[in-house]
């Protein structure tokens, strides 16, 4: 996945979850934030960010904020924070053999009252894949979600039910950065989601976490990351 016309800026503030104020070449500019999550640990004043020019030239915010450099004791880490990117790179990964040879891949698959990110077919086997983008990093540990996600919880529970009906189901966590040693649920923020993931795994749902090679103008799924669904010690 490659962005066009990318430029660097400095983050100033976030008036609301859709808009950020940045300093681009010495001039303040309002840009669209392509992630409605909190991202409080990423969007700090002075942070280096990267912008991609919007396709619609008439839009009030001519740029999208797509990536940020997080300062850490271990060194800076580039994190893609475009919430549309995980599905895009997941589609590329699936079609290029990420889950082995697939005979069919369809995005935005409706089943009953739900819509799943991907449906795939492998011979007679039917697959459902739900994608979650992860931008929260703590000392090399990736966590999801960064805020309670009722939609994510609903999808995980539905995959658990469908796995019992013969579907091959996956939750694919796309970690939008490199240098990650482990993925775990964000128990402090949404313990119900972590419990649902653990229940899903027991029911046969595969929980996959993949890190990404992120650059200022691209994102690509790279390697698997170990998944720890154990409850934290009290």
C-alpha atoms as a PDB file:
ATOM      1  CA  UNK A   1       0.000   0.000   0.000  1.00  0.00           C
ATOM      2  CA  UNK A   2       1.565   3.271  -1.159  1.00  0.00           C
ATOM      3  CA  UNK A   3       0.406   6.846  -0.562  1.00  0.00           C
ATOM      4  CA  UNK A   4       0.812   9.651  -3.074  1.00  0.00           C
ATOM      5  CA  UNK A   5       2.191  13.140  -2.414  1.00  0.00           C
ATOM      6  CA  UNK A   6       3.365  12.669   1.160  1.00  0.00           C
ATOM      7  CA  UNK A   7       4.938  15.512   3.146  1.00  0.00           C
ATOM      8  CA  UNK A   8       6.211  16.025   6.688  1.00  0.00           C
ATOM      9  CA  UNK A   9       4.767  18.326   9.349  1.00  0.00           C
ATOM     10  CA  UNK A  10       4.739  18.899  13.104  1.00  0.00           C
ATOM     11  CA  UNK A  11       1.674  18.148  15.191  1.00  0.00           C
ATOM     12  CA  UNK A  12       0.279  21.106  17.134  1.00  0.00           C
ATOM     13  CA  UNK A  13      -3.149  20.165  18.482  1.00  0.00           C
ATOM     14  CA  UNK A  14      -6.322  18.168  17.851  1.00  0.00           C
ATOM     15  CA  UNK A  15      -9.454  20.323  18.131  1.00  0.00           C
ATOM     16  CA  UNK A  16     -11.648  17.243  17.647  1.00  0.00           C
ATOM     17  CA  UNK A  17     -11.229  13.605  16.698  1.00  0.00           C
ATOM     18  CA  UNK A  18     -11.519  14.315  12.969  1.00  0.00           C
ATOM     19  CA  UNK A  19      -9.214  17.324  12.671  1.00  0.00           C
ATOM     20  CA  UNK A  20      -5.656  18.170  13.678  1.00  0.00           C
ATOM     21  CA  UNK A  21      -3.719  21.406  13.477  1.00  0.00           C
ATOM     22  CA  UNK A  22      -0.175  20.942  12.167  1.00  0.00           C
ATOM     23  CA  UNK A  23       2.760  23.114  11.214  1.00  0.00           C
ATOM     24  CA  UNK A  24       3.633  22.452   7.572  1.00  0.00           C
ATOM     25  CA  UNK A  25       6.638  24.370   6.256  1.00  0.00           C
ATOM     26  CA  UNK A  26       6.173  27.043   8.915  1.00  0.00           C
ATOM     27  CA  UNK A  27       2.458  27.533   8.278  1.00  0.00           C
ATOM     28  CA  UNK A  28      -0.413  26.218  10.439  1.00  0.00           C
ATOM     29  CA  UNK A  29      -2.795  23.962   8.552  1.00  0.00           C
ATOM     30  CA  UNK A  30      -5.923  21.985   9.420  1.00  0.00           C
ATOM     31  CA  UNK A  31      -5.739  18.343   8.313  1.00  0.00           C
ATOM     32  CA  UNK A  32      -8.049  15.354   8.486  1.00  0.00           C
ATOM     33  CA  UNK A  33      -7.130  12.686  11.048  1.00  0.00           C
ATOM     34  CA  UNK A  34      -7.686   9.241   9.501  1.00  0.00           C
ATOM     35  CA  UNK A  35      -8.117   7.639  12.907  1.00  0.00           C
ATOM     36  CA  UNK A  36     -10.927   8.509  15.304  1.00  0.00           C
ATOM     37  CA  UNK A  37      -9.296   6.633  18.203  1.00  0.00           C
ATOM     38  CA  UNK A  38      -7.753   8.491  21.116  1.00  0.00           C
ATOM     39  CA  UNK A  39      -4.111   8.146  19.988  1.00  0.00           C
ATOM     40  CA  UNK A  40      -3.175  10.349  22.952  1.00  0.00           C
ATOM     41  CA  UNK A  41       0.242   8.718  23.281  1.00  0.00           C
ATOM     42  CA  UNK A  42       0.987   9.433  19.614  1.00  0.00           C
ATOM     43  CA  UNK A  43      -0.372  12.875  18.865  1.00  0.00           C
ATOM     44  CA  UNK A  44       1.680  14.969  21.256  1.00  0.00           C
ATOM     45  CA  UNK A  45       2.693  18.580  20.524  1.00  0.00           C
ATOM     46  CA  UNK A  46       5.824  18.729  18.402  1.00  0.00           C
ATOM     47  CA  UNK A  47       5.599  15.147  17.111  1.00  0.00           C
ATOM     48  CA  UNK A  48       6.739  14.552  13.541  1.00  0.00           C
ATOM     49  CA  UNK A  49       3.779  13.507  11.417  1.00  0.00           C
ATOM     50  CA  UNK A  50       3.276  12.685   7.771  1.00  0.00           C
ATOM     51  CA  UNK A  51       0.464  13.881   5.564  1.00  0.00           C
ATOM     52  CA  UNK A  52      -0.978  12.540   2.337  1.00  0.00           C
ATOM     53  CA  UNK A  53      -2.725  14.882  -0.083  1.00  0.00           C
ATOM     54  CA  UNK A  54      -6.433  14.146  -0.366  1.00  0.00           C
ATOM     55  CA  UNK A  55      -7.772  12.992  -3.726  1.00  0.00           C
ATOM     56  CA  UNK A  56     -10.564  15.571  -3.648  1.00  0.00           C
ATOM     57  CA  UNK A  57      -8.950  18.991  -4.319  1.00  0.00           C
ATOM     58  CA  UNK A  58     -12.098  20.799  -3.153  1.00  0.00           C
ATOM     59  CA  UNK A  59     -12.032  19.297   0.333  1.00  0.00           C
ATOM     60  CA  UNK A  60     -11.725  21.754   3.226  1.00  0.00           C
ATOM     61  CA  UNK A  61      -8.815  19.769   4.678  1.00  0.00           C
ATOM     62  CA  UNK A  62      -6.417  19.166   1.764  1.00  0.00           C
ATOM     63  CA  UNK A  63      -4.290  16.613   3.639  1.00  0.00           C
ATOM     64  CA  UNK A  64      -4.821  13.428   5.663  1.00  0.00           C
ATOM     65  CA  UNK A  65      -2.639  12.695   8.690  1.00  0.00           C
ATOM     66  CA  UNK A  66      -1.417   9.130   8.078  1.00  0.00           C
ATOM     67  CA  UNK A  67       1.673   8.471  10.227  1.00  0.00           C
ATOM     68  CA  UNK A  68       3.507   9.696  13.306  1.00  0.00           C
ATOM     69  CA  UNK A  69       6.939   9.229  14.841  1.00  0.00           C
ATOM     70  CA  UNK A  70       6.679   8.091  18.458  1.00  0.00           C
ATOM     71  CA  UNK A  71       9.583   8.995  20.751  1.00  0.00           C
ATOM     72  CA  UNK A  72      10.680   6.113  23.015  1.00  0.00           C
ATOM     73  CA  UNK A  73      13.677   5.321  25.232  1.00  0.00           C
ATOM     74  CA  UNK A  74      14.600   2.640  22.672  1.00  0.00           C
ATOM     75  CA  UNK A  75      14.531   5.181  19.856  1.00  0.00           C
ATOM     76  CA  UNK A  76      11.889   6.705  17.568  1.00  0.00           C
ATOM     77  CA  UNK A  77       9.269   4.414  16.051  1.00  0.00           C
ATOM     78  CA  UNK A  78       7.261   5.228  12.928  1.00  0.00           C
ATOM     79  CA  UNK A  79       3.618   4.239  13.321  1.00  0.00           C
ATOM     80  CA  UNK A  80       1.018   4.305  10.573  1.00  0.00           C
ATOM     81  CA  UNK A  81      -2.243   5.571  12.106  1.00  0.00           C
ATOM     82  CA  UNK A  82      -4.520   5.490   9.074  1.00  0.00           C
ATOM     83  CA  UNK A  83      -7.558   3.455  10.160  1.00  0.00           C
ATOM     84  CA  UNK A  84      -8.284   2.493   6.529  1.00  0.00           C
ATOM     85  CA  UNK A  85      -4.801   1.036   6.014  1.00  0.00           C
ATOM     86  CA  UNK A  86      -5.189  -2.284   7.901  1.00  0.00           C
ATOM     87  CA  UNK A  87      -7.967  -3.532   5.612  1.00  0.00           C
ATOM     88  CA  UNK A  88      -6.077  -2.391   2.527  1.00  0.00           C
ATOM     89  CA  UNK A  89      -2.869  -4.203   3.462  1.00  0.00           C
ATOM     90  CA  UNK A  90      -4.815  -7.218   4.741  1.00  0.00           C
ATOM     91  CA  UNK A  91      -6.465  -7.543   1.327  1.00  0.00           C
ATOM     92  CA  UNK A  92      -3.058  -7.396  -0.368  1.00  0.00           C
ATOM     93  CA  UNK A  93      -1.681  -9.955   2.085  1.00  0.00           C
ATOM     94  CA  UNK A  94      -4.564 -12.381   1.620  1.00  0.00           C
ATOM     95  CA  UNK A  95      -4.435 -12.178  -2.179  1.00  0.00           C
ATOM     96  CA  UNK A  96      -0.666 -12.721  -2.176  1.00  0.00           C
ATOM     97  CA  UNK A  97      -0.926 -15.943  -0.172  1.00  0.00           C
ATOM     98  CA  UNK A  98      -0.757 -14.791   3.443  1.00  0.00           C
ATOM     99  CA  UNK A  99      -3.143 -17.579   4.473  1.00  0.00           C
ATOM    100  CA  UNK A 100      -2.032 -19.897   1.704  1.00  0.00           C
ATOM    101  CA  UNK A 101      -3.630 -20.291  -1.685  1.00  0.00           C
ATOM    102  CA  UNK A 102      -7.199 -18.990  -1.716  1.00  0.00           C
ATOM    103  CA  UNK A 103      -9.663 -19.559  -4.545  1.00  0.00           C
ATOM    104  CA  UNK A 104     -11.673 -16.424  -3.777  1.00  0.00           C
ATOM    105  CA  UNK A 105     -11.298 -13.282  -1.651  1.00  0.00           C
ATOM    106  CA  UNK A 106     -14.158 -10.827  -1.148  1.00  0.00           C
ATOM    107  CA  UNK A 107     -14.121  -7.697   0.983  1.00  0.00           C
ATOM    108  CA  UNK A 108     -17.052  -6.384   3.047  1.00  0.00           C
ATOM    109  CA  UNK A 109     -18.926  -9.684   3.238  1.00  0.00           C
ATOM    110  CA  UNK A 110     -22.465  -9.607   4.604  1.00  0.00           C
ATOM    111  CA  UNK A 111     -23.702 -12.565   6.610  1.00  0.00           C
ATOM    112  CA  UNK A 112     -27.034 -12.213   8.359  1.00  0.00           C
ATOM    113  CA  UNK A 113     -27.078  -8.924  10.244  1.00  0.00           C
ATOM    114  CA  UNK A 114     -23.287  -8.584  10.210  1.00  0.00           C
ATOM    115  CA  UNK A 115     -20.639  -7.461   7.767  1.00  0.00           C
ATOM    116  CA  UNK A 116     -17.186  -9.008   8.007  1.00  0.00           C
ATOM    117  CA  UNK A 117     -14.015  -7.550   6.524  1.00  0.00           C
ATOM    118  CA  UNK A 118     -13.224 -10.520   4.275  1.00  0.00           C
ATOM    119  CA  UNK A 119     -14.713 -13.750   3.020  1.00  0.00           C
ATOM    120  CA  UNK A 120     -12.467 -16.284   1.336  1.00  0.00           C
ATOM    121  CA  UNK A 121     -12.807 -19.748  -0.099  1.00  0.00           C
ATOM    122  CA  UNK A 122     -10.212 -22.509  -0.110  1.00  0.00           C
ATOM    123  CA  UNK A 123     -11.666 -25.447  -1.951  1.00  0.00           C
ATOM    124  CA  UNK A 124     -14.830 -26.328  -0.055  1.00  0.00           C
ATOM    125  CA  UNK A 125     -13.649 -24.490   3.070  1.00  0.00           C
ATOM    126  CA  UNK A 126     -15.248 -21.108   3.798  1.00  0.00           C
ATOM    127  CA  UNK A 127     -13.226 -18.478   5.677  1.00  0.00           C
ATOM    128  CA  UNK A 128     -14.212 -15.287   7.490  1.00  0.00           C
ATOM    129  CA  UNK A 129     -11.531 -12.772   8.428  1.00  0.00           C
ATOM    130  CA  UNK A 130     -12.112  -9.785  10.697  1.00  0.00           C
ATOM    131  CA  UNK A 131      -9.297  -7.189  10.695  1.00  0.00           C
ATOM    132  CA  UNK A 132      -8.316  -4.927  13.595  1.00  0.00           C
ATOM    133  CA  UNK A 133      -5.707  -2.203  13.221  1.00  0.00           C
ATOM    134  CA  UNK A 134      -3.397  -1.699  16.209  1.00  0.00           C
ATOM    135  CA  UNK A 135      -1.428   1.505  16.916  1.00  0.00           C
ATOM    136  CA  UNK A 136      -0.915   1.235  20.694  1.00  0.00           C
ATOM    137  CA  UNK A 137       2.650   0.281  21.701  1.00  0.00           C
ATOM    138  CA  UNK A 138       4.151   0.005  25.189  1.00  0.00           C
ATOM    139  CA  UNK A 139       7.804  -1.045  25.377  1.00  0.00           C
ATOM    140  CA  UNK A 140       7.589  -3.376  22.394  1.00  0.00           C
ATOM    141  CA  UNK A 141       4.191  -4.752  23.423  1.00  0.00           C
ATOM    142  CA  UNK A 142       1.264  -4.034  21.083  1.00  0.00           C
ATOM    143  CA  UNK A 143      -2.200  -3.757  22.597  1.00  0.00           C
ATOM    144  CA  UNK A 144      -5.733  -3.478  21.227  1.00  0.00           C
ATOM    145  CA  UNK A 145      -8.018  -1.626  21.623  1.00  0.00           C
ATOM    146  CA  UNK A 146      -6.916   1.826  22.763  1.00  0.00           C
ATOM    147  CA  UNK A 147     -10.569   2.575  23.660  1.00  0.00           C
ATOM    148  CA  UNK A 148     -13.588   0.316  24.324  1.00  0.00           C
ATOM    149  CA  UNK A 149     -14.885  -1.178  21.067  1.00  0.00           C
ATOM    150  CA  UNK A 150     -18.426  -2.508  21.145  1.00  0.00           C
ATOM    151  CA  UNK A 151     -18.307  -3.163  17.397  1.00  0.00           C
ATOM    152  CA  UNK A 152     -15.120  -5.190  17.748  1.00  0.00           C
ATOM    153  CA  UNK A 153     -16.576  -7.159  20.643  1.00  0.00           C
ATOM    154  CA  UNK A 154     -19.701  -7.955  18.631  1.00  0.00           C
ATOM    155  CA  UNK A 155     -17.662  -9.243  15.686  1.00  0.00           C
ATOM    156  CA  UNK A 156     -15.451 -11.468  17.838  1.00  0.00           C
ATOM    157  CA  UNK A 157     -18.478 -13.007  19.518  1.00  0.00           C
ATOM    158  CA  UNK A 158     -20.151 -13.604  16.150  1.00  0.00           C
ATOM    159  CA  UNK A 159     -17.014 -15.307  14.811  1.00  0.00           C
ATOM    160  CA  UNK A 160     -17.038 -17.532  17.903  1.00  0.00           C
ATOM    161  CA  UNK A 161     -20.596 -18.568  17.143  1.00  0.00           C
ATOM    162  CA  UNK A 162     -19.886 -19.133  13.437  1.00  0.00           C
ATOM    163  CA  UNK A 163     -16.794 -21.222  14.193  1.00  0.00           C
ATOM    164  CA  UNK A 164     -19.137 -23.606  15.991  1.00  0.00           C
ATOM    165  CA  UNK A 165     -21.184 -23.861  12.782  1.00  0.00           C
ATOM    166  CA  UNK A 166     -18.253 -24.986  10.643  1.00  0.00           C
ATOM    167  CA  UNK A 167     -16.810 -21.705   9.404  1.00  0.00           C
ATOM    168  CA  UNK A 168     -13.040 -21.214   9.471  1.00  0.00           C
ATOM    169  CA  UNK A 169     -12.709 -17.894  11.281  1.00  0.00           C
ATOM    170  CA  UNK A 170      -9.826 -15.512  11.887  1.00  0.00           C
ATOM    171  CA  UNK A 171      -9.219 -12.321  13.822  1.00  0.00           C
ATOM    172  CA  UNK A 172      -6.306 -10.604  12.103  1.00  0.00           C
ATOM    173  CA  UNK A 173      -4.580  -7.931  14.193  1.00  0.00           C
ATOM    174  CA  UNK A 174      -2.614  -5.666  11.861  1.00  0.00           C
ATOM    175  CA  UNK A 175       0.027  -3.951  13.999  1.00  0.00           C
ATOM    176  CA  UNK A 176       0.789  -0.764  12.081  1.00  0.00           C
ATOM    177  CA  UNK A 177       4.484  -0.661  13.001  1.00  0.00           C
ATOM    178  CA  UNK A 178       7.622  -2.788  13.323  1.00  0.00           C
ATOM    179  CA  UNK A 179       9.729  -3.637  16.428  1.00  0.00           C
ATOM    180  CA  UNK A 180       6.947  -5.490  18.285  1.00  0.00           C
ATOM    181  CA  UNK A 181       7.764  -8.542  20.413  1.00  0.00           C
ATOM    182  CA  UNK A 182       4.268  -9.520  21.596  1.00  0.00           C
ATOM    183  CA  UNK A 183       0.573  -8.736  21.160  1.00  0.00           C
ATOM    184  CA  UNK A 184      -1.891  -8.795  24.058  1.00  0.00           C
ATOM    185  CA  UNK A 185      -5.388  -7.404  24.624  1.00  0.00           C
ATOM    186  CA  UNK A 186      -5.648  -4.067  26.385  1.00  0.00           C
ATOM    187  CA  UNK A 187      -7.061  -5.540  29.568  1.00  0.00           C
ATOM    188  CA  UNK A 188      -7.068  -2.212  31.423  1.00  0.00           C
ATOM    189  CA  UNK A 189      -9.170  -0.472  28.766  1.00  0.00           C
ATOM    190  CA  UNK A 190     -11.590  -3.178  27.601  1.00  0.00           C
ATOM    191  CA  UNK A 191     -11.303  -6.467  29.528  1.00  0.00           C
ATOM    192  CA  UNK A 192     -14.447  -7.855  27.866  1.00  0.00           C
ATOM    193  CA  UNK A 193     -12.701  -7.745  24.492  1.00  0.00           C
ATOM    194  CA  UNK A 194      -9.757  -9.740  25.853  1.00  0.00           C
ATOM    195  CA  UNK A 195     -12.086 -12.328  27.370  1.00  0.00           C
ATOM    196  CA  UNK A 196     -13.965 -12.570  24.063  1.00  0.00           C
ATOM    197  CA  UNK A 197     -10.702 -13.165  22.168  1.00  0.00           C
ATOM    198  CA  UNK A 198      -9.734 -15.943  24.573  1.00  0.00           C
ATOM    199  CA  UNK A 199     -13.161 -17.544  24.240  1.00  0.00           C
ATOM    200  CA  UNK A 200     -12.951 -17.263  20.448  1.00  0.00           C
ATOM    201  CA  UNK A 201      -9.596 -19.057  20.410  1.00  0.00           C
ATOM    202  CA  UNK A 202     -11.029 -21.882  22.525  1.00  0.00           C
ATOM    203  CA  UNK A 203     -13.878 -22.174  20.000  1.00  0.00           C
ATOM    204  CA  UNK A 204     -11.417 -22.583  17.115  1.00  0.00           C
ATOM    205  CA  UNK A 205     -11.083 -18.992  15.880  1.00  0.00           C
ATOM    206  CA  UNK A 206      -7.470 -18.271  14.900  1.00  0.00           C
ATOM    207  CA  UNK A 207      -6.102 -15.084  16.456  1.00  0.00           C
ATOM    208  CA  UNK A 208      -3.295 -13.788  14.256  1.00  0.00           C
ATOM    209  CA  UNK A 209      -1.133 -10.732  14.919  1.00  0.00           C
ATOM    210  CA  UNK A 210       1.101  -9.423  12.134  1.00  0.00           C
ATOM    211  CA  UNK A 211       3.542  -6.548  12.313  1.00  0.00           C
ATOM    212  CA  UNK A 212       4.106  -4.192   9.398  1.00  0.00           C
ATOM    213  CA  UNK A 213       6.914  -2.452   7.615  1.00  0.00           C
ATOM    214  CA  UNK A 214       5.807   1.170   7.871  1.00  0.00           C
ATOM    215  CA  UNK A 215       7.413   4.055   6.016  1.00  0.00           C
ATOM    216  CA  UNK A 216       6.304   7.631   5.594  1.00  0.00           C
ATOM    217  CA  UNK A 217       4.484   6.734   2.370  1.00  0.00           C
ATOM    218  CA  UNK A 218       3.740   3.001   2.580  1.00  0.00           C
ATOM    219  CA  UNK A 219       2.571   0.107   4.727  1.00  0.00           C
ATOM    220  CA  UNK A 220       3.061  -3.617   4.202  1.00  0.00           C
ATOM    221  CA  UNK A 221       2.302  -6.648   6.386  1.00  0.00           C
ATOM    222  CA  UNK A 222       5.554  -8.354   7.320  1.00  0.00           C
ATOM    223  CA  UNK A 223       5.817 -11.053  10.009  1.00  0.00           C
ATOM    224  CA  UNK A 224       3.720 -12.791  12.678  1.00  0.00           C
ATOM    225  CA  UNK A 225       3.931 -11.656  16.283  1.00  0.00           C
ATOM    226  CA  UNK A 226       3.247 -13.971  19.267  1.00  0.00           C
ATOM    227  CA  UNK A 227      -0.199 -13.530  20.822  1.00  0.00           C
ATOM    228  CA  UNK A 228      -0.688 -13.686  24.601  1.00  0.00           C
ATOM    229  CA  UNK A 229      -4.321 -13.924  25.704  1.00  0.00           C
ATOM    230  CA  UNK A 230      -3.644 -14.846  29.315  1.00  0.00           C
ATOM    231  CA  UNK A 231      -5.246 -12.735  32.017  1.00  0.00           C
ATOM    232  CA  UNK A 232      -2.780 -10.346  33.665  1.00  0.00           C
ATOM    233  CA  UNK A 233      -1.652 -11.199  37.156  1.00  0.00           C
ATOM    234  CA  UNK A 234      -3.456  -9.253  39.878  1.00  0.00           C
END
